[in-house]
Amino acid sequence: AAALASAPPTHTGLPPSRLAAARAKERARVTPGRVRWAFEALVGRCRASLALASRDSTLEDARDAIALCPLAPGGWEALRDAAEAEGGIGGAALRSQAAAAAEAEGRGEYTP
């Protein structure tokens, strides 16, 4: 049920002009403009560190990215990849964190 609550909305049947506006609004909701650059920088640094096999701050970067934009899938993917590389966090723990974030958003506790 939590996976369905966090799934992105489908905009079927909208005219192209409204479809573009709906996509822009969804992007602004998931990664607000005032923190988007920092989020993308953290996710990028995490992925680069993993690619170079330098795991100095990969988990911290991924967690910081999630703290900025908990609805963006890129941060969760980076955390999953960093956790798999480190072998520290199991998939069940990641799923429970994602479910908690989706539940908090559903209750209105998350405000970007």
N, C-alpha and C. Protein backbone atom coordinates (compact mmCIF):
# COMPACT_ATOMS: atom_id res chain seq x y z
N ALA A 1 0.82 -1.19 0.00
CA ALA A 1 0.00 0.00 0.00
C ALA A 1 0.87 1.25 0.00
N ALA A 2 2.01 1.20 0.70
CA ALA A 2 2.88 2.37 0.75
C ALA A 2 3.49 2.65 -0.61
N ALA A 3 3.79 1.59 -1.37
CA ALA A 3 4.36 1.79 -2.70
C ALA A 3 3.37 2.47 -3.62
N LEU A 4 2.09 2.15 -3.47
CA LEU A 4 1.09 2.79 -4.30
C LEU A 4 0.90 4.25 -3.91
N ALA A 5 1.05 4.55 -2.64
CA ALA A 5 0.87 5.94 -2.18
C ALA A 5 1.98 6.84 -2.69
N SER A 6 3.16 6.29 -2.90
CA SER A 6 4.27 7.13 -3.34
C SER A 6 4.49 7.08 -4.84
N ALA A 7 3.67 6.33 -5.56
CA ALA A 7 3.83 6.24 -7.01
C ALA A 7 3.49 7.58 -7.65
N PRO A 8 4.24 7.97 -8.69
CA PRO A 8 3.95 9.25 -9.33
C PRO A 8 2.60 9.21 -10.03
N PRO A 9 1.90 10.32 -10.06
CA PRO A 9 0.59 10.33 -10.70
C PRO A 9 0.74 10.17 -12.21
N THR A 10 -0.24 9.53 -12.80
CA THR A 10 -0.25 9.41 -14.25
C THR A 10 -1.14 10.50 -14.80
N HIS A 11 -0.71 11.09 -15.85
CA HIS A 11 -1.43 12.21 -16.45
C HIS A 11 -1.91 11.79 -17.83
N THR A 12 -2.74 10.78 -17.87
CA THR A 12 -3.22 10.31 -19.15
C THR A 12 -4.41 11.15 -19.59
N GLY A 13 -4.48 11.37 -20.87
CA GLY A 13 -5.60 12.10 -21.43
C GLY A 13 -5.50 13.60 -21.37
N LEU A 14 -4.41 14.13 -20.87
CA LEU A 14 -4.26 15.58 -20.82
C LEU A 14 -3.72 16.11 -22.15
N PRO A 15 -4.13 17.30 -22.54
CA PRO A 15 -3.52 17.90 -23.73
C PRO A 15 -2.04 18.21 -23.46
N PRO A 16 -1.23 18.29 -24.51
CA PRO A 16 0.22 18.48 -24.31
C PRO A 16 0.59 19.68 -23.46
N SER A 17 -0.12 20.78 -23.61
CA SER A 17 0.23 21.97 -22.82
C SER A 17 -0.01 21.73 -21.33
N ARG A 18 -1.10 21.08 -20.99
CA ARG A 18 -1.37 20.80 -19.58
C ARG A 18 -0.49 19.68 -19.05
N LEU A 19 -0.13 18.74 -19.92
CA LEU A 19 0.75 17.65 -19.51
C LEU A 19 2.11 18.20 -19.10
N ALA A 20 2.65 19.13 -19.86
CA ALA A 20 3.94 19.74 -19.52
C ALA A 20 3.84 20.49 -18.20
N ALA A 21 2.75 21.20 -17.99
CA ALA A 21 2.57 21.94 -16.74
C ALA A 21 2.43 20.98 -15.55
N ALA A 22 1.71 19.88 -15.75
CA ALA A 22 1.55 18.90 -14.67
C ALA A 22 2.88 18.25 -14.31
N ARG A 23 3.68 17.94 -15.32
CA ARG A 23 5.00 17.36 -15.06
C ARG A 23 5.90 18.34 -14.33
N ALA A 24 5.87 19.60 -14.71
CA ALA A 24 6.69 20.61 -14.04
C ALA A 24 6.24 20.78 -12.58
N LYS A 25 4.94 20.75 -12.34
CA LYS A 25 4.42 20.87 -10.98
C LYS A 25 4.83 19.68 -10.14
N GLU A 26 4.79 18.48 -10.71
CA GLU A 26 5.20 17.28 -9.98
C GLU A 26 6.69 17.32 -9.66
N ARG A 27 7.50 17.77 -10.61
CA ARG A 27 8.94 17.87 -10.36
C ARG A 27 9.23 18.87 -9.24
N ALA A 28 8.50 19.99 -9.25
CA ALA A 28 8.69 20.99 -8.19
C ALA A 28 8.25 20.45 -6.83
N ARG A 29 7.26 19.56 -6.81
CA ARG A 29 6.81 18.97 -5.55
C ARG A 29 7.83 17.97 -5.02
N VAL A 30 8.39 17.17 -5.92
CA VAL A 30 9.32 16.12 -5.51
C VAL A 30 10.69 16.69 -5.18
N THR A 31 11.20 17.58 -6.01
CA THR A 31 12.49 18.23 -5.76
C THR A 31 12.30 19.74 -5.89
N PRO A 32 12.00 20.41 -4.79
CA PRO A 32 11.77 21.86 -4.84
C PRO A 32 12.99 22.60 -5.40
N GLY A 33 12.74 23.63 -6.15
CA GLY A 33 13.80 24.37 -6.84
C GLY A 33 14.88 24.92 -5.92
N ARG A 34 14.50 25.31 -4.71
CA ARG A 34 15.49 25.93 -3.81
C ARG A 34 16.50 24.94 -3.26
N VAL A 35 16.23 23.64 -3.35
CA VAL A 35 17.19 22.65 -2.87
C VAL A 35 17.58 21.64 -3.96
N ARG A 36 17.03 21.81 -5.15
CA ARG A 36 17.29 20.84 -6.22
C ARG A 36 18.77 20.74 -6.54
N TRP A 37 19.46 21.86 -6.60
CA TRP A 37 20.88 21.83 -6.96
C TRP A 37 21.70 21.07 -5.92
N ALA A 38 21.38 21.27 -4.65
CA ALA A 38 22.11 20.56 -3.58
C ALA A 38 21.79 19.07 -3.61
N PHE A 39 20.52 18.74 -3.84
CA PHE A 39 20.12 17.33 -3.93
C PHE A 39 20.86 16.64 -5.07
N GLU A 40 20.84 17.25 -6.25
CA GLU A 40 21.49 16.64 -7.40
C GLU A 40 23.00 16.56 -7.22
N ALA A 41 23.60 17.52 -6.53
CA ALA A 41 25.04 17.47 -6.26
C ALA A 41 25.38 16.33 -5.32
N LEU A 42 24.57 16.13 -4.29
CA LEU A 42 24.82 15.04 -3.34
C LEU A 42 24.65 13.67 -4.01
N VAL A 43 23.60 13.52 -4.80
CA VAL A 43 23.38 12.24 -5.49
C VAL A 43 24.51 12.00 -6.49
N GLY A 44 24.90 13.04 -7.20
CA GLY A 44 25.99 12.90 -8.17
C GLY A 44 27.31 12.54 -7.50
N ARG A 45 27.61 13.18 -6.37
CA ARG A 45 28.85 12.86 -5.66
C ARG A 45 28.83 11.44 -5.12
N CYS A 46 27.67 10.99 -4.67
CA CYS A 46 27.53 9.61 -4.19
C CYS A 46 27.78 8.62 -5.32
N ARG A 47 27.16 8.87 -6.47
CA ARG A 47 27.34 7.97 -7.61
C ARG A 47 28.77 7.99 -8.12
N ALA A 48 29.40 9.16 -8.12
CA ALA A 48 30.79 9.24 -8.57
C ALA A 48 31.72 8.50 -7.61
N SER A 49 31.47 8.63 -6.33
CA SER A 49 32.29 7.91 -5.34
C SER A 49 32.14 6.41 -5.51
N LEU A 50 30.93 5.95 -5.78
CA LEU A 50 30.72 4.53 -6.00
C LEU A 50 31.41 4.05 -7.26
N ALA A 51 31.36 4.87 -8.31
CA ALA A 51 32.00 4.49 -9.57
C ALA A 51 33.51 4.41 -9.42
N LEU A 52 34.07 5.26 -8.56
CA LEU A 52 35.52 5.27 -8.34
C LEU A 52 35.93 4.32 -7.21
N ALA A 53 34.96 3.60 -6.67
CA ALA A 53 35.20 2.67 -5.56
C ALA A 53 35.78 3.37 -4.34
N SER A 54 35.42 4.63 -4.17
CA SER A 54 35.84 5.41 -3.01
C SER A 54 34.61 5.61 -2.13
N ARG A 55 34.48 4.82 -1.09
CA ARG A 55 33.27 4.84 -0.27
C ARG A 55 33.42 5.70 0.97
N ASP A 56 34.14 6.78 0.87
CA ASP A 56 34.39 7.62 2.05
C ASP A 56 33.10 8.19 2.64
N SER A 57 32.30 8.83 1.81
CA SER A 57 31.12 9.51 2.33
C SER A 57 29.87 9.18 1.53
N THR A 58 29.83 8.01 0.91
CA THR A 58 28.69 7.69 0.05
C THR A 58 27.39 7.59 0.84
N LEU A 59 27.41 6.90 1.97
CA LEU A 59 26.19 6.77 2.76
C LEU A 59 25.73 8.12 3.30
N GLU A 60 26.66 8.93 3.75
CA GLU A 60 26.30 10.25 4.28
C GLU A 60 25.71 11.14 3.19
N ASP A 61 26.31 11.10 2.01
CA ASP A 61 25.78 11.90 0.90
C ASP A 61 24.38 11.46 0.52
N ALA A 62 24.16 10.16 0.46
CA ALA A 62 22.84 9.64 0.11
C ALA A 62 21.81 10.01 1.18
N ARG A 63 22.18 9.89 2.43
CA ARG A 63 21.25 10.25 3.52
C ARG A 63 20.95 11.74 3.52
N ASP A 64 21.95 12.56 3.25
CA ASP A 64 21.73 14.00 3.17
C ASP A 64 20.79 14.35 2.01
N ALA A 65 20.96 13.64 0.89
CA ALA A 65 20.09 13.88 -0.27
C ALA A 65 18.65 13.52 0.07
N ILE A 66 18.47 12.42 0.79
CA ILE A 66 17.11 12.01 1.19
C ILE A 66 16.51 13.00 2.18
N ALA A 67 17.34 13.54 3.04
CA ALA A 67 16.85 14.53 4.00
C ALA A 67 16.35 15.79 3.28
N LEU A 68 17.00 16.15 2.18
CA LEU A 68 16.58 17.32 1.42
C LEU A 68 15.29 17.06 0.64
N CYS A 69 15.24 15.92 -0.05
CA CYS A 69 14.11 15.60 -0.93
C CYS A 69 13.69 14.15 -0.71
N PRO A 70 12.91 13.86 0.31
CA PRO A 70 12.56 12.48 0.60
C PRO A 70 11.65 11.82 -0.42
N LEU A 71 11.02 12.59 -1.29
CA LEU A 71 10.13 12.01 -2.29
C LEU A 71 10.84 11.67 -3.59
N ALA A 72 12.04 12.17 -3.77
CA ALA A 72 12.77 11.94 -5.02
C ALA A 72 13.39 10.55 -5.01
N PRO A 73 13.15 9.76 -6.05
CA PRO A 73 13.68 8.41 -6.07
C PRO A 73 15.20 8.35 -6.20
N GLY A 74 15.82 9.37 -6.75
CA GLY A 74 17.27 9.36 -6.94
C GLY A 74 18.05 9.21 -5.65
N GLY A 75 17.59 9.85 -4.59
CA GLY A 75 18.26 9.74 -3.30
C GLY A 75 18.15 8.34 -2.72
N TRP A 76 16.97 7.74 -2.85
CA TRP A 76 16.76 6.39 -2.34
C TRP A 76 17.58 5.38 -3.14
N GLU A 77 17.67 5.59 -4.45
CA GLU A 77 18.49 4.70 -5.28
C GLU A 77 19.96 4.82 -4.91
N ALA A 78 20.41 6.04 -4.65
CA ALA A 78 21.80 6.24 -4.25
C ALA A 78 22.07 5.57 -2.90
N LEU A 79 21.11 5.67 -1.97
CA LEU A 79 21.28 5.02 -0.67
C LEU A 79 21.32 3.51 -0.82
N ARG A 80 20.47 2.97 -1.67
CA ARG A 80 20.47 1.53 -1.90
C ARG A 80 21.81 1.07 -2.47
N ASP A 81 22.31 1.80 -3.47
CA ASP A 81 23.58 1.43 -4.09
C ASP A 81 24.74 1.55 -3.10
N ALA A 82 24.73 2.62 -2.30
CA ALA A 82 25.79 2.80 -1.30
C ALA A 82 25.73 1.72 -0.24
N ALA A 83 24.52 1.36 0.17
CA ALA A 83 24.36 0.32 1.19
C ALA A 83 24.81 -1.04 0.65
N GLU A 84 24.49 -1.32 -0.59
CA GLU A 84 24.94 -2.58 -1.19
C GLU A 84 26.46 -2.62 -1.28
N ALA A 85 27.07 -1.48 -1.62
CA ALA A 85 28.53 -1.43 -1.72
C ALA A 85 29.19 -1.60 -0.35
N GLU A 86 28.56 -1.03 0.67
CA GLU A 86 29.11 -1.13 2.02
C GLU A 86 28.69 -2.42 2.71
N GLY A 87 27.55 -2.97 2.32
CA GLY A 87 27.05 -4.17 2.96
C GLY A 87 26.46 -3.90 4.33
N GLY A 88 26.13 -2.64 4.62
CA GLY A 88 25.68 -2.29 5.96
C GLY A 88 24.19 -2.31 6.19
N ILE A 89 23.42 -1.79 5.26
CA ILE A 89 21.98 -1.67 5.46
C ILE A 89 21.28 -2.67 4.56
N GLY A 90 20.38 -3.44 5.12
CA GLY A 90 19.63 -4.41 4.34
C GLY A 90 18.50 -3.76 3.57
N GLY A 91 18.01 -4.45 2.57
CA GLY A 91 16.91 -3.94 1.76
C GLY A 91 15.65 -3.69 2.57
N ALA A 92 15.41 -4.50 3.60
CA ALA A 92 14.22 -4.32 4.42
C ALA A 92 14.26 -2.98 5.16
N ALA A 93 15.44 -2.60 5.63
CA ALA A 93 15.56 -1.32 6.33
C ALA A 93 15.30 -0.16 5.38
N LEU A 94 15.79 -0.26 4.15
CA LEU A 94 15.55 0.80 3.17
C LEU A 94 14.06 0.90 2.84
N ARG A 95 13.41 -0.25 2.67
CA ARG A 95 11.99 -0.23 2.37
C ARG A 95 11.19 0.37 3.52
N SER A 96 11.58 0.08 4.76
CA SER A 96 10.86 0.64 5.90
C SER A 96 11.06 2.15 5.99
N GLN A 97 12.26 2.63 5.64
CA GLN A 97 12.50 4.08 5.62
C GLN A 97 11.65 4.74 4.54
N ALA A 98 11.56 4.11 3.37
CA ALA A 98 10.76 4.66 2.27
C ALA A 98 9.28 4.68 2.65
N ALA A 99 8.82 3.62 3.31
CA ALA A 99 7.43 3.56 3.74
C ALA A 99 7.14 4.64 4.77
N ALA A 100 8.08 4.86 5.69
CA ALA A 100 7.89 5.89 6.71
C ALA A 100 7.82 7.28 6.08
N ALA A 101 8.66 7.53 5.07
CA ALA A 101 8.64 8.83 4.39
C ALA A 101 7.32 9.03 3.65
N ALA A 102 6.84 7.98 2.98
CA ALA A 102 5.58 8.08 2.26
C ALA A 102 4.42 8.28 3.23
N GLU A 103 4.47 7.61 4.38
CA GLU A 103 3.42 7.75 5.39
C GLU A 103 3.43 9.15 5.98
N ALA A 104 4.62 9.70 6.22
CA ALA A 104 4.72 11.06 6.76
C ALA A 104 4.15 12.07 5.78
N GLU A 105 4.39 11.85 4.48
CA GLU A 105 3.85 12.76 3.48
C GLU A 105 2.32 12.66 3.46
N GLY A 106 1.81 11.43 3.59
CA GLY A 106 0.36 11.23 3.59
C GLY A 106 -0.32 11.91 4.76
N ARG A 107 0.37 12.02 5.89
CA ARG A 107 -0.19 12.68 7.07
C ARG A 107 0.01 14.19 7.02
N GLY A 108 0.74 14.65 6.02
CA GLY A 108 0.95 16.09 5.90
C GLY A 108 2.10 16.61 6.72
N GLU A 109 2.97 15.72 7.22
CA GLU A 109 4.09 16.16 8.05
C GLU A 109 5.23 16.69 7.21
N TYR A 110 5.33 16.26 5.96
CA TYR A 110 6.42 16.70 5.10
C TYR A 110 6.00 17.94 4.35
N THR A 111 6.77 19.01 4.53
CA THR A 111 6.52 20.23 3.78
C THR A 111 7.81 20.67 3.15
N PRO A 112 7.86 20.70 1.82
CA PRO A 112 9.12 21.09 1.15
C PRO A 112 9.46 22.52 1.35
